Amino acid sequence: LESSSKTGSANSGNLGARIERYAKMDCKSCKGVIDYGAFWEAAGNSSSASLFALVWFVLILWLLNSTAEHFFLPPLMYWSEFLGLRPDVAGATIVAIGTC
């Protein structure tokens, strides 16, 4: 029992060190489609950059919603009917099974 508690504290210390290293990382090597950090540095504190960010955020949420509506819900409804589940139960159950 003592060894497991020591192992748990050692793992939590290791996790803390990893989180600290990650927080201090310089993301010059991070790659993505859009470099948001460089965008914000170049834009400064302008209202046009804030407006662009707001429009971009709304667009991304709209795209996520339409993707879920067209590609996630139809199979979910099919499986809920096939398994005889209520729609509210089916969403939580099938998503949980899908993450296994």
PDB file of N, CA and C in Angstrom:
ATOM      1  N   LEU A   1       0.832  -1.201   0.000  1.00  0.00           N
ATOM      2  CA  LEU A   1       0.000   0.000   0.000  1.00  0.00           C
ATOM      3  C   LEU A   1       0.870   1.256   0.000  1.00  0.00           C
ATOM      4  N   GLU A   2       1.979   1.219   0.746  1.00  0.00           N
ATOM      5  CA  GLU A   2       2.849   2.386   0.777  1.00  0.00           C
ATOM      6  C   GLU A   2       3.524   2.622  -0.569  1.00  0.00           C
ATOM      7  N   SER A   3       3.909   1.536  -1.244  1.00  0.00           N
ATOM      8  CA  SER A   3       4.580   1.705  -2.526  1.00  0.00           C
ATOM      9  C   SER A   3       3.645   2.320  -3.565  1.00  0.00           C
ATOM     10  N   SER A   4       2.350   1.969  -3.508  1.00  0.00           N
ATOM     11  CA  SER A   4       1.419   2.549  -4.475  1.00  0.00           C
ATOM     12  C   SER A   4       1.215   4.033  -4.215  1.00  0.00           C
ATOM     13  N   SER A   5       1.233   4.446  -2.943  1.00  0.00           N
ATOM     14  CA  SER A   5       1.085   5.865  -2.659  1.00  0.00           C
ATOM     15  C   SER A   5       2.336   6.636  -3.069  1.00  0.00           C
ATOM     16  N   LYS A   6       3.498   5.998  -2.922  1.00  0.00           N
ATOM     17  CA  LYS A   6       4.725   6.653  -3.372  1.00  0.00           C
ATOM     18  C   LYS A   6       4.740   6.770  -4.891  1.00  0.00           C
ATOM     19  N   THR A   7       4.290   5.726  -5.571  1.00  0.00           N
ATOM     20  CA  THR A   7       4.242   5.753  -7.022  1.00  0.00           C
ATOM     21  C   THR A   7       3.281   6.831  -7.501  1.00  0.00           C
ATOM     22  N   GLY A   8       2.139   6.945  -6.846  1.00  0.00           N
ATOM     23  CA  GLY A   8       1.162   7.961  -7.218  1.00  0.00           C
ATOM     24  C   GLY A   8       1.719   9.363  -7.068  1.00  0.00           C
ATOM     25  N   SER A   9       2.463   9.622  -5.977  1.00  0.00           N
ATOM     26  CA  SER A   9       3.026  10.949  -5.787  1.00  0.00           C
ATOM     27  C   SER A   9       4.154  11.204  -6.765  1.00  0.00           C
ATOM     28  N   ALA A  10       4.908  10.159  -7.125  1.00  0.00           N
ATOM     29  CA  ALA A  10       5.975  10.331  -8.101  1.00  0.00           C
ATOM     30  C   ALA A  10       5.392  10.637  -9.471  1.00  0.00           C
ATOM     31  N   ASN A  11       4.307   9.960  -9.827  1.00  0.00           N
ATOM     32  CA  ASN A  11       3.675  10.219 -11.117  1.00  0.00           C
ATOM     33  C   ASN A  11       3.089  11.620 -11.172  1.00  0.00           C
ATOM     34  N   SER A  12       2.507  12.078 -10.069  1.00  0.00           N
ATOM     35  CA  SER A  12       1.931  13.415 -10.082  1.00  0.00           C
ATOM     36  C   SER A  12       3.034  14.464 -10.188  1.00  0.00           C
ATOM     37  N   GLY A  13       4.196  14.217  -9.577  1.00  0.00           N
ATOM     38  CA  GLY A  13       5.321  15.137  -9.712  1.00  0.00           C
ATOM     39  C   GLY A  13       5.828  15.161 -11.142  1.00  0.00           C
ATOM     40  N   ASN A  14       5.903  13.995 -11.749  1.00  0.00           N
ATOM     41  CA  ASN A  14       6.324  13.904 -13.137  1.00  0.00           C
ATOM     42  C   ASN A  14       5.332  14.617 -14.044  1.00  0.00           C
ATOM     43  N   LEU A  15       4.055  14.467 -13.780  1.00  0.00           N
ATOM     44  CA  LEU A  15       3.020  15.136 -14.563  1.00  0.00           C
ATOM     45  C   LEU A  15       3.149  16.647 -14.418  1.00  0.00           C
ATOM     46  N   GLY A  16       3.398  17.114 -13.219  1.00  0.00           N
ATOM     47  CA  GLY A  16       3.574  18.550 -12.996  1.00  0.00           C
ATOM     48  C   GLY A  16       4.760  19.095 -13.780  1.00  0.00           C
ATOM     49  N   ALA A  17       5.850  18.329 -13.812  1.00  0.00           N
ATOM     50  CA  ALA A  17       7.026  18.756 -14.569  1.00  0.00           C
ATOM     51  C   ALA A  17       6.735  18.785 -16.063  1.00  0.00           C
ATOM     52  N   ARG A  18       5.983  17.788 -16.546  1.00  0.00           N
ATOM     53  CA  ARG A  18       5.639  17.771 -17.970  1.00  0.00           C
ATOM     54  C   ARG A  18       4.732  18.941 -18.327  1.00  0.00           C
ATOM     55  N   ILE A  19       3.774  19.254 -17.461  1.00  0.00           N
ATOM     56  CA  ILE A  19       2.873  20.386 -17.723  1.00  0.00           C
ATOM     57  C   ILE A  19       3.667  21.687 -17.724  1.00  0.00           C
ATOM     58  N   GLU A  20       4.595  21.821 -16.792  1.00  0.00           N
ATOM     59  CA  GLU A  20       5.413  23.032 -16.732  1.00  0.00           C
ATOM     60  C   GLU A  20       6.271  23.181 -17.986  1.00  0.00           C
ATOM     61  N   ARG A  21       6.867  22.064 -18.455  1.00  0.00           N
ATOM     62  CA  ARG A  21       7.660  22.111 -19.690  1.00  0.00           C
ATOM     63  C   ARG A  21       6.790  22.499 -20.873  1.00  0.00           C
ATOM     64  N   TYR A  22       5.588  21.951 -20.932  1.00  0.00           N
ATOM     65  CA  TYR A  22       4.676  22.257 -22.036  1.00  0.00           C
ATOM     66  C   TYR A  22       4.273  23.725 -22.014  1.00  0.00           C
ATOM     67  N   ALA A  23       4.017  24.264 -20.838  1.00  0.00           N
ATOM     68  CA  ALA A  23       3.598  25.655 -20.720  1.00  0.00           C
ATOM     69  C   ALA A  23       4.704  26.606 -21.152  1.00  0.00           C
ATOM     70  N   LYS A  24       5.974  26.195 -20.973  1.00  0.00           N
ATOM     71  CA  LYS A  24       7.105  27.050 -21.328  1.00  0.00           C
ATOM     72  C   LYS A  24       7.591  26.818 -22.755  1.00  0.00           C
ATOM     73  N   MET A  25       6.952  25.884 -23.486  1.00  0.00           N
ATOM     74  CA  MET A  25       7.400  25.569 -24.843  1.00  0.00           C
ATOM     75  C   MET A  25       7.305  26.766 -25.761  1.00  0.00           C
ATOM     76  N   ASP A  26       8.269  26.884 -26.624  1.00  0.00           N
ATOM     77  CA  ASP A  26       8.218  27.884 -27.675  1.00  0.00           C
ATOM     78  C   ASP A  26       7.643  27.187 -28.898  1.00  0.00           C
ATOM     79  N   CYS A  27       6.520  27.641 -29.365  1.00  0.00           N
ATOM     80  CA  CYS A  27       5.812  26.931 -30.436  1.00  0.00           C
ATOM     81  C   CYS A  27       6.275  27.330 -31.820  1.00  0.00           C
ATOM     82  N   LYS A  28       7.535  27.633 -31.998  1.00  0.00           N
ATOM     83  CA  LYS A  28       8.053  27.911 -33.334  1.00  0.00           C
ATOM     84  C   LYS A  28       7.985  26.655 -34.189  1.00  0.00           C
ATOM     85  N   SER A  29       8.075  25.486 -33.559  1.00  0.00           N
ATOM     86  CA  SER A  29       8.041  24.237 -34.311  1.00  0.00           C
ATOM     87  C   SER A  29       6.619  23.704 -34.491  1.00  0.00           C
ATOM     88  N   CYS A  30       5.629  24.311 -33.838  1.00  0.00           N
ATOM     89  CA  CYS A  30       4.242  23.861 -33.986  1.00  0.00           C
ATOM     90  C   CYS A  30       3.766  24.187 -35.396  1.00  0.00           C
ATOM     91  N   LYS A  31       3.123  23.212 -36.023  1.00  0.00           N
ATOM     92  CA  LYS A  31       2.660  23.428 -37.387  1.00  0.00           C
ATOM     93  C   LYS A  31       1.154  23.282 -37.435  1.00  0.00           C
ATOM     94  N   GLY A  32       0.536  24.107 -38.245  1.00  0.00           N
ATOM     95  CA  GLY A  32      -0.894  24.045 -38.447  1.00  0.00           C
ATOM     96  C   GLY A  32      -1.244  24.790 -39.712  1.00  0.00           C
ATOM     97  N   VAL A  33      -2.502  24.837 -40.032  1.00  0.00           N
ATOM     98  CA  VAL A  33      -2.936  25.521 -41.238  1.00  0.00           C
ATOM     99  C   VAL A  33      -2.823  27.031 -41.055  1.00  0.00           C
ATOM    100  N   ILE A  34      -3.234  27.512 -39.893  1.00  0.00           N
ATOM    101  CA  ILE A  34      -3.199  28.947 -39.604  1.00  0.00           C
ATOM    102  C   ILE A  34      -2.351  29.161 -38.359  1.00  0.00           C
ATOM    103  N   ASP A  35      -1.422  30.097 -38.434  1.00  0.00           N
ATOM    104  CA  ASP A  35      -0.584  30.429 -37.287  1.00  0.00           C
ATOM    105  C   ASP A  35      -1.260  31.566 -36.523  1.00  0.00           C
ATOM    106  N   TYR A  36      -2.102  31.188 -35.557  1.00  0.00           N
ATOM    107  CA  TYR A  36      -2.882  32.178 -34.825  1.00  0.00           C
ATOM    108  C   TYR A  36      -2.008  33.097 -33.982  1.00  0.00           C
ATOM    109  N   GLY A  37      -0.930  32.562 -33.429  1.00  0.00           N
ATOM    110  CA  GLY A  37      -0.034  33.393 -32.624  1.00  0.00           C
ATOM    111  C   GLY A  37       0.572  34.518 -33.432  1.00  0.00           C
ATOM    112  N   ALA A  38       1.051  34.208 -34.627  1.00  0.00           N
ATOM    113  CA  ALA A  38       1.630  35.237 -35.490  1.00  0.00           C
ATOM    114  C   ALA A  38       0.559  36.243 -35.926  1.00  0.00           C
ATOM    115  N   PHE A  39      -0.645  35.751 -36.157  1.00  0.00           N
ATOM    116  CA  PHE A  39      -1.739  36.648 -36.544  1.00  0.00           C
ATOM    117  C   PHE A  39      -1.999  37.675 -35.449  1.00  0.00           C
ATOM    118  N   TRP A  40      -2.093  37.215 -34.190  1.00  0.00           N
ATOM    119  CA  TRP A  40      -2.394  38.140 -33.100  1.00  0.00           C
ATOM    120  C   TRP A  40      -1.242  39.084 -32.835  1.00  0.00           C
ATOM    121  N   GLU A  41      -0.004  38.596 -32.996  1.00  0.00           N
ATOM    122  CA  GLU A  41       1.146  39.487 -32.813  1.00  0.00           C
ATOM    123  C   GLU A  41       1.153  40.576 -33.873  1.00  0.00           C
ATOM    124  N   ALA A  42       0.854  40.221 -35.123  1.00  0.00           N
ATOM    125  CA  ALA A  42       0.860  41.195 -36.209  1.00  0.00           C
ATOM    126  C   ALA A  42      -0.317  42.163 -36.103  1.00  0.00           C
ATOM    127  N   ALA A  43      -1.465  41.670 -35.658  1.00  0.00           N
ATOM    128  CA  ALA A  43      -2.669  42.509 -35.595  1.00  0.00           C
ATOM    129  C   ALA A  43      -2.633  43.478 -34.434  1.00  0.00           C
ATOM    130  N   GLY A  44      -1.939  43.111 -33.372  1.00  0.00           N
ATOM    131  CA  GLY A  44      -1.921  43.970 -32.199  1.00  0.00           C
ATOM    132  C   GLY A  44      -3.262  43.981 -31.518  1.00  0.00           C
ATOM    133  N   ASN A  45      -3.723  45.157 -31.130  1.00  0.00           N
ATOM    134  CA  ASN A  45      -4.990  45.285 -30.413  1.00  0.00           C
ATOM    135  C   ASN A  45      -6.005  46.018 -31.291  1.00  0.00           C
ATOM    136  N   SER A  46      -6.135  45.591 -32.544  1.00  0.00           N
ATOM    137  CA  SER A  46      -7.034  46.305 -33.458  1.00  0.00           C
ATOM    138  C   SER A  46      -8.443  45.716 -33.391  1.00  0.00           C
ATOM    139  N   SER A  47      -9.418  46.573 -33.652  1.00  0.00           N
ATOM    140  CA  SER A  47     -10.800  46.118 -33.627  1.00  0.00           C
ATOM    141  C   SER A  47     -11.118  45.250 -34.838  1.00  0.00           C
ATOM    142  N   SER A  48     -10.434  45.471 -35.961  1.00  0.00           N
ATOM    143  CA  SER A  48     -10.676  44.633 -37.139  1.00  0.00           C
ATOM    144  C   SER A  48     -10.214  43.196 -36.887  1.00  0.00           C
ATOM    145  N   ALA A  49      -9.135  43.026 -36.151  1.00  0.00           N
ATOM    146  CA  ALA A  49      -8.671  41.676 -35.811  1.00  0.00           C
ATOM    147  C   ALA A  49      -9.670  40.995 -34.875  1.00  0.00           C
ATOM    148  N   SER A  50     -10.212  41.746 -33.947  1.00  0.00           N
ATOM    149  CA  SER A  50     -11.216  41.184 -33.040  1.00  0.00           C
ATOM    150  C   SER A  50     -12.485  40.800 -33.788  1.00  0.00           C
ATOM    151  N   LEU A  51     -12.897  41.635 -34.733  1.00  0.00           N
ATOM    152  CA  LEU A  51     -14.069  41.339 -35.541  1.00  0.00           C
ATOM    153  C   LEU A  51     -13.826  40.096 -36.397  1.00  0.00           C
ATOM    154  N   PHE A  52     -12.638  40.011 -37.004  1.00  0.00           N
ATOM    155  CA  PHE A  52     -12.289  38.841 -37.797  1.00  0.00           C
ATOM    156  C   PHE A  52     -12.314  37.580 -36.938  1.00  0.00           C
ATOM    157  N   ALA A  53     -11.760  37.659 -35.728  1.00  0.00           N
ATOM    158  CA  ALA A  53     -11.733  36.502 -34.830  1.00  0.00           C
ATOM    159  C   ALA A  53     -13.155  36.080 -34.454  1.00  0.00           C
ATOM    160  N   LEU A  54     -14.025  37.031 -34.210  1.00  0.00           N
ATOM    161  CA  LEU A  54     -15.412  36.716 -33.869  1.00  0.00           C
ATOM    162  C   LEU A  54     -16.119  36.044 -35.043  1.00  0.00           C
ATOM    163  N   VAL A  55     -15.950  36.582 -36.241  1.00  0.00           N
ATOM    164  CA  VAL A  55     -16.571  35.988 -37.428  1.00  0.00           C
ATOM    165  C   VAL A  55     -16.006  34.595 -37.669  1.00  0.00           C
ATOM    166  N   TRP A  56     -14.689  34.424 -37.510  1.00  0.00           N
ATOM    167  CA  TRP A  56     -14.042  33.123 -37.684  1.00  0.00           C
ATOM    168  C   TRP A  56     -14.591  32.111 -36.680  1.00  0.00           C
ATOM    169  N   PHE A  57     -14.762  32.525 -35.436  1.00  0.00           N
ATOM    170  CA  PHE A  57     -15.284  31.659 -34.386  1.00  0.00           C
ATOM    171  C   PHE A  57     -16.708  31.212 -34.709  1.00  0.00           C
ATOM    172  N   VAL A  58     -17.552  32.142 -35.151  1.00  0.00           N
ATOM    173  CA  VAL A  58     -18.931  31.806 -35.512  1.00  0.00           C
ATOM    174  C   VAL A  58     -18.947  30.860 -36.709  1.00  0.00           C
ATOM    175  N   LEU A  59     -18.091  31.104 -37.696  1.00  0.00           N
ATOM    176  CA  LEU A  59     -18.018  30.234 -38.867  1.00  0.00           C
ATOM    177  C   LEU A  59     -17.605  28.815 -38.484  1.00  0.00           C
ATOM    178  N   ILE A  60     -16.614  28.694 -37.637  1.00  0.00           N
ATOM    179  CA  ILE A  60     -16.147  27.373 -37.201  1.00  0.00           C
ATOM    180  C   ILE A  60     -17.258  26.636 -36.441  1.00  0.00           C
ATOM    181  N   LEU A  61     -17.971  27.326 -35.564  1.00  0.00           N
ATOM    182  CA  LEU A  61     -19.078  26.685 -34.848  1.00  0.00           C
ATOM    183  C   LEU A  61     -20.198  26.264 -35.796  1.00  0.00           C
ATOM    184  N   TRP A  62     -20.498  27.106 -36.790  1.00  0.00           N
ATOM    185  CA  TRP A  62     -21.526  26.760 -37.767  1.00  0.00           C
ATOM    186  C   TRP A  62     -21.113  25.523 -38.561  1.00  0.00           C
ATOM    187  N   LEU A  63     -19.847  25.456 -38.987  1.00  0.00           N
ATOM    188  CA  LEU A  63     -19.362  24.289 -39.724  1.00  0.00           C
ATOM    189  C   LEU A  63     -19.409  23.025 -38.869  1.00  0.00           C
ATOM    190  N   LEU A  64     -19.046  23.148 -37.619  1.00  0.00           N
ATOM    191  CA  LEU A  64     -19.106  21.998 -36.710  1.00  0.00           C
ATOM    192  C   LEU A  64     -20.539  21.519 -36.544  1.00  0.00           C
ATOM    193  N   ASN A  65     -21.469  22.447 -36.406  1.00  0.00           N
ATOM    194  CA  ASN A  65     -22.882  22.106 -36.254  1.00  0.00           C
ATOM    195  C   ASN A  65     -23.419  21.412 -37.497  1.00  0.00           C
ATOM    196  N   SER A  66     -23.130  21.956 -38.670  1.00  0.00           N
ATOM    197  CA  SER A  66     -23.666  21.351 -39.889  1.00  0.00           C
ATOM    198  C   SER A  66     -23.041  19.978 -40.145  1.00  0.00           C
ATOM    199  N   THR A  67     -21.773  19.811 -39.812  1.00  0.00           N
ATOM    200  CA  THR A  67     -21.129  18.502 -39.969  1.00  0.00           C
ATOM    201  C   THR A  67     -21.783  17.472 -39.054  1.00  0.00           C
ATOM    202  N   ALA A  68     -22.021  17.843 -37.818  1.00  0.00           N
ATOM    203  CA  ALA A  68     -22.671  16.915 -36.886  1.00  0.00           C
ATOM    204  C   ALA A  68     -24.091  16.598 -37.337  1.00  0.00           C
ATOM    205  N   GLU A  69     -24.790  17.609 -37.817  1.00  0.00           N
ATOM    206  CA  GLU A  69     -26.175  17.409 -38.237  1.00  0.00           C
ATOM    207  C   GLU A  69     -26.278  16.474 -39.437  1.00  0.00           C
ATOM    208  N   HIS A  70     -25.378  16.583 -40.382  1.00  0.00           N
ATOM    209  CA  HIS A  70     -25.475  15.807 -41.614  1.00  0.00           C
ATOM    210  C   HIS A  70     -24.754  14.466 -41.565  1.00  0.00           C
ATOM    211  N   PHE A  71     -23.702  14.352 -40.748  1.00  0.00           N
ATOM    212  CA  PHE A  71     -22.908  13.129 -40.759  1.00  0.00           C
ATOM    213  C   PHE A  71     -22.946  12.338 -39.458  1.00  0.00           C
ATOM    214  N   PHE A  72     -23.354  12.950 -38.360  1.00  0.00           N
ATOM    215  CA  PHE A  72     -23.382  12.250 -37.077  1.00  0.00           C
ATOM    216  C   PHE A  72     -24.794  11.833 -36.692  1.00  0.00           C
ATOM    217  N   LEU A  73     -25.758  12.715 -36.871  1.00  0.00           N
ATOM    218  CA  LEU A  73     -27.117  12.420 -36.425  1.00  0.00           C
ATOM    219  C   LEU A  73     -27.815  11.307 -37.203  1.00  0.00           C
ATOM    220  N   PRO A  74     -27.723  11.234 -38.526  1.00  0.00           N
ATOM    221  CA  PRO A  74     -28.419  10.137 -39.219  1.00  0.00           C
ATOM    222  C   PRO A  74     -27.988   8.738 -38.752  1.00  0.00           C
ATOM    223  N   PRO A  75     -26.677   8.445 -38.632  1.00  0.00           N
ATOM    224  CA  PRO A  75     -26.324   7.122 -38.096  1.00  0.00           C
ATOM    225  C   PRO A  75     -26.761   6.934 -36.640  1.00  0.00           C
ATOM    226  N   LEU A  76     -26.713   8.010 -35.868  1.00  0.00           N
ATOM    227  CA  LEU A  76     -27.149   7.925 -34.480  1.00  0.00           C
ATOM    228  C   LEU A  76     -28.632   7.583 -34.401  1.00  0.00           C
ATOM    229  N   MET A  77     -29.447   8.206 -35.248  1.00  0.00           N
ATOM    230  CA  MET A  77     -30.882   7.910 -35.252  1.00  0.00           C
ATOM    231  C   MET A  77     -31.142   6.478 -35.739  1.00  0.00           C
ATOM    232  N   TYR A  78     -30.378   6.040 -36.740  1.00  0.00           N
ATOM    233  CA  TYR A  78     -30.541   4.667 -37.231  1.00  0.00           C
ATOM    234  C   TYR A  78     -30.258   3.664 -36.117  1.00  0.00           C
ATOM    235  N   TRP A  79     -29.114   3.832 -35.440  1.00  0.00           N
ATOM    236  CA  TRP A  79     -28.750   2.871 -34.394  1.00  0.00           C
ATOM    237  C   TRP A  79     -29.676   2.954 -33.184  1.00  0.00           C
ATOM    238  N   SER A  80     -30.169   4.143 -32.879  1.00  0.00           N
ATOM    239  CA  SER A  80     -31.098   4.248 -31.751  1.00  0.00           C
ATOM    240  C   SER A  80     -32.406   3.534 -32.051  1.00  0.00           C
ATOM    241  N   GLU A  81     -32.885   3.634 -33.290  1.00  0.00           N
ATOM    242  CA  GLU A  81     -34.098   2.897 -33.670  1.00  0.00           C
ATOM    243  C   GLU A  81     -33.833   1.395 -33.721  1.00  0.00           C
ATOM    244  N   PHE A  82     -32.679   1.014 -34.274  1.00  0.00           N
ATOM    245  CA  PHE A  82     -32.326  -0.396 -34.392  1.00  0.00           C
ATOM    246  C   PHE A  82     -32.205  -1.056 -33.018  1.00  0.00           C
ATOM    247  N   LEU A  83     -31.617  -0.338 -32.050  1.00  0.00           N
ATOM    248  CA  LEU A  83     -31.431  -0.884 -30.701  1.00  0.00           C
ATOM    249  C   LEU A  83     -32.618  -0.612 -29.786  1.00  0.00           C
ATOM    250  N   GLY A  84     -33.592   0.160 -30.254  1.00  0.00           N
ATOM    251  CA  GLY A  84     -34.777   0.447 -29.451  1.00  0.00           C
ATOM    252  C   GLY A  84     -34.501   1.413 -28.309  1.00  0.00           C
ATOM    253  N   LEU A  85     -33.573   2.351 -28.508  1.00  0.00           N
ATOM    254  CA  LEU A  85     -33.237   3.330 -27.475  1.00  0.00           C
ATOM    255  C   LEU A  85     -33.961   4.645 -27.729  1.00  0.00           C
ATOM    256  N   ARG A  86     -34.296   5.342 -26.653  1.00  0.00           N
ATOM    257  CA  ARG A  86     -34.834   6.692 -26.791  1.00  0.00           C
ATOM    258  C   ARG A  86     -33.710   7.594 -27.303  1.00  0.00           C
ATOM    259  N   PRO A  87     -34.025   8.642 -28.072  1.00  0.00           N
ATOM    260  CA  PRO A  87     -32.966   9.496 -28.633  1.00  0.00           C
ATOM    261  C   PRO A  87     -32.045  10.120 -27.589  1.00  0.00           C
ATOM    262  N   ASP A  88     -32.592  10.544 -26.438  1.00  0.00           N
ATOM    263  CA  ASP A  88     -31.724  11.149 -25.426  1.00  0.00           C
ATOM    264  C   ASP A  88     -30.770  10.132 -24.813  1.00  0.00           C
ATOM    265  N   VAL A  89     -31.213   8.910 -24.648  1.00  0.00           N
ATOM    266  CA  VAL A  89     -30.353   7.850 -24.109  1.00  0.00           C
ATOM    267  C   VAL A  89     -29.369   7.395 -25.176  1.00  0.00           C
ATOM    268  N   ALA A  90     -29.817   7.341 -26.424  1.00  0.00           N
ATOM    269  CA  ALA A  90     -28.972   6.857 -27.513  1.00  0.00           C
ATOM    270  C   ALA A  90     -27.752   7.747 -27.706  1.00  0.00           C
ATOM    271  N   GLY A  91     -27.921   9.049 -27.626  1.00  0.00           N
ATOM    272  CA  GLY A  91     -26.794   9.953 -27.821  1.00  0.00           C
ATOM    273  C   GLY A  91     -25.685   9.691 -26.826  1.00  0.00           C
ATOM    274  N   ALA A  92     -26.026   9.632 -25.560  1.00  0.00           N
ATOM    275  CA  ALA A  92     -25.013   9.397 -24.531  1.00  0.00           C
ATOM    276  C   ALA A  92     -24.425   7.997 -24.622  1.00  0.00           C
ATOM    277  N   THR A  93     -25.256   7.011 -24.919  1.00  0.00           N
ATOM    278  CA  THR A  93     -24.786   5.627 -24.959  1.00  0.00           C
ATOM    279  C   THR A  93     -23.890   5.357 -26.156  1.00  0.00           C
ATOM    280  N   ILE A  94     -24.315   5.756 -27.340  1.00  0.00           N
ATOM    281  CA  ILE A  94     -23.542   5.440 -28.530  1.00  0.00           C
ATOM    282  C   ILE A  94     -22.256   6.270 -28.581  1.00  0.00           C
ATOM    283  N   VAL A  95     -22.281   7.490 -28.144  1.00  0.00           N
ATOM    284  CA  VAL A  95     -21.055   8.278 -28.091  1.00  0.00           C
ATOM    285  C   VAL A  95     -20.083   7.674 -27.095  1.00  0.00           C
ATOM    286  N   ALA A  96     -20.579   7.227 -25.952  1.00  0.00           N
ATOM    287  CA  ALA A  96     -19.703   6.591 -24.971  1.00  0.00           C
ATOM    288  C   ALA A  96     -19.117   5.282 -25.501  1.00  0.00           C
ATOM    289  N   ILE A  97     -19.907   4.515 -26.220  1.00  0.00           N
ATOM    290  CA  ILE A  97     -19.398   3.254 -26.806  1.00  0.00           C
ATOM    291  C   ILE A  97     -18.362   3.584 -27.878  1.00  0.00           C
ATOM    292  N   GLY A  98     -18.583   4.639 -28.628  1.00  0.00           N
ATOM    293  CA  GLY A  98     -17.653   5.011 -29.691  1.00  0.00           C
ATOM    294  C   GLY A  98     -16.309   5.468 -29.208  1.00  0.00           C
ATOM    295  N   THR A  99     -16.203   5.894 -27.960  1.00  0.00           N
ATOM    296  CA  THR A  99     -14.913   6.349 -27.430  1.00  0.00           C
ATOM    297  C   THR A  99     -14.088   5.220 -26.842  1.00  0.00           C
ATOM    298  N   CYS A 100     -14.642   4.031 -26.778  1.00  0.00           N
ATOM    299  CA  CYS A 100     -13.894   2.898 -26.238  1.00  0.00           C
ATOM    300  C   CYS A 100     -12.823   2.427 -27.179  1.00  0.00           C
TER     301      CYS A 100
END
